[in-house]
Amino acid sequence: MPTDITAPQDPAPTAGQRPRTLARARRRDLAALEARTELAHATDQARALLAASAMHNLAALGALADQLYQVTPTAAPYYDAIIHTYAATAARTITTL
């Protein structure tokens, strides 16, 4: 003898209950979408600010390295390594934000 086991069903909503329930769910969904959008915008703005700062810093480091090449040319590989390390670290930091 087969048995049909199903989950109990909620009683049918009253006439006014269903639209209110749907409206609440819609408002929750819109609020969640708005929150995600605001977070994405803030993250994008933070990345742009960090990228601009890193680019300015790299320009300053490059100019300083150019001056230091004249003073101590034998240290050029170290200057280059410092600049490359800074650039890689800044890029990694920005992309993981």
Protein backbone atom coordinates (compact mmCIF):
# COMPACT_ATOMS: atom_id res chain seq x y z
CA MET A 1 0.00 0.00 0.00
CA PRO A 2 1.76 3.19 -1.18
CA THR A 3 1.83 6.14 1.13
CA ASP A 4 2.07 9.70 -0.05
CA ILE A 5 4.09 11.72 2.44
CA THR A 6 4.09 15.41 1.70
CA ALA A 7 4.88 18.46 3.73
CA PRO A 8 1.84 20.14 5.25
CA GLN A 9 0.65 23.08 3.21
CA ASP A 10 0.08 26.54 4.62
CA PRO A 11 -3.54 27.52 4.60
CA ALA A 12 -4.55 29.72 1.69
CA PRO A 13 -3.91 33.39 2.39
CA THR A 14 -6.82 35.69 2.86
CA ALA A 15 -7.72 38.11 0.10
CA GLY A 16 -5.73 41.05 1.52
CA GLN A 17 -2.86 39.04 2.98
CA ARG A 18 -1.15 37.93 -0.23
CA PRO A 19 -0.58 41.38 -1.78
CA ARG A 20 0.81 42.70 1.52
CA THR A 21 3.14 39.70 1.81
CA LEU A 22 4.35 40.21 -1.75
CA ALA A 23 4.79 43.93 -1.16
CA ARG A 24 6.87 43.28 1.97
CA ALA A 25 9.03 40.76 0.11
CA ARG A 26 9.48 43.22 -2.75
CA ARG A 27 10.51 45.98 -0.32
CA ARG A 28 13.02 43.63 1.36
CA ASP A 29 14.46 42.68 -2.03
CA LEU A 30 14.75 46.32 -3.08
CA ALA A 31 16.39 47.26 0.23
CA ALA A 32 18.91 44.43 -0.16
CA LEU A 33 19.62 45.50 -3.76
CA GLU A 34 20.10 49.09 -2.63
CA ALA A 35 22.52 48.00 0.10
CA ARG A 36 24.55 45.90 -2.37
CA THR A 37 24.62 48.80 -4.82
CA GLU A 38 25.83 51.25 -2.16
CA LEU A 39 28.54 48.82 -1.07
CA ALA A 40 29.68 48.28 -4.66
CA HIS A 41 29.82 52.04 -5.23
CA ALA A 42 31.77 52.67 -2.01
CA THR A 43 34.21 49.86 -2.86
CA ASP A 44 34.72 51.29 -6.35
CA GLN A 45 35.36 54.77 -4.94
CA ALA A 46 37.85 53.40 -2.41
CA ARG A 47 39.70 51.48 -5.13
CA ALA A 48 39.86 54.58 -7.33
CA LEU A 49 41.22 56.67 -4.47
CA LEU A 50 43.84 54.05 -3.61
CA ALA A 51 44.81 53.65 -7.27
CA ALA A 52 45.26 57.41 -7.72
CA SER A 53 47.32 57.58 -4.53
CA ALA A 54 49.49 54.64 -5.58
CA MET A 55 50.08 56.17 -9.02
CA HIS A 56 51.13 59.49 -7.48
CA ASN A 57 53.41 57.65 -5.07
CA LEU A 58 54.97 55.67 -7.92
CA ALA A 59 55.59 58.89 -9.85
CA ALA A 60 57.28 60.43 -6.80
CA LEU A 61 59.33 57.28 -6.20
CA GLY A 62 60.35 57.20 -9.86
CA ALA A 63 61.44 60.85 -9.76
CA LEU A 64 63.40 60.23 -6.58
CA ALA A 65 65.02 57.14 -8.10
CA ASP A 66 66.06 59.20 -11.15
CA GLN A 67 67.84 61.65 -8.84
CA LEU A 68 69.44 58.88 -6.82
CA TYR A 69 70.71 57.15 -9.98
CA GLN A 70 72.92 60.23 -10.46
CA VAL A 71 74.23 60.09 -6.88
CA THR A 72 74.68 56.33 -6.50
CA PRO A 73 74.33 54.52 -9.82
CA THR A 74 75.45 51.21 -8.31
CA ALA A 75 72.30 51.14 -6.16
CA ALA A 76 70.02 51.28 -9.21
CA PRO A 77 68.92 47.62 -8.93
CA TYR A 78 67.79 48.27 -5.35
CA TYR A 79 65.84 51.38 -6.31
CA ASP A 80 64.13 49.44 -9.07
CA ALA A 81 63.34 46.54 -6.72
CA ILE A 82 61.82 48.91 -4.17
CA ILE A 83 59.64 50.58 -6.80
CA HIS A 84 58.53 47.24 -8.30
CA THR A 85 57.74 45.82 -4.86
CA TYR A 86 55.73 48.90 -3.91
CA ALA A 87 53.80 48.75 -7.19
CA ALA A 88 53.01 45.04 -6.84
CA THR A 89 51.93 45.42 -3.21
CA ALA A 90 49.75 48.42 -3.99
CA ALA A 91 48.10 46.62 -6.91
CA ARG A 92 47.43 43.54 -4.81
CA THR A 93 45.98 45.65 -2.00
CA ILE A 94 43.69 47.53 -4.37
CA THR A 95 42.41 44.42 -6.12
CA THR A 96 41.67 42.57 -2.88
CA LEU A 97 39.69 45.44 -1.37
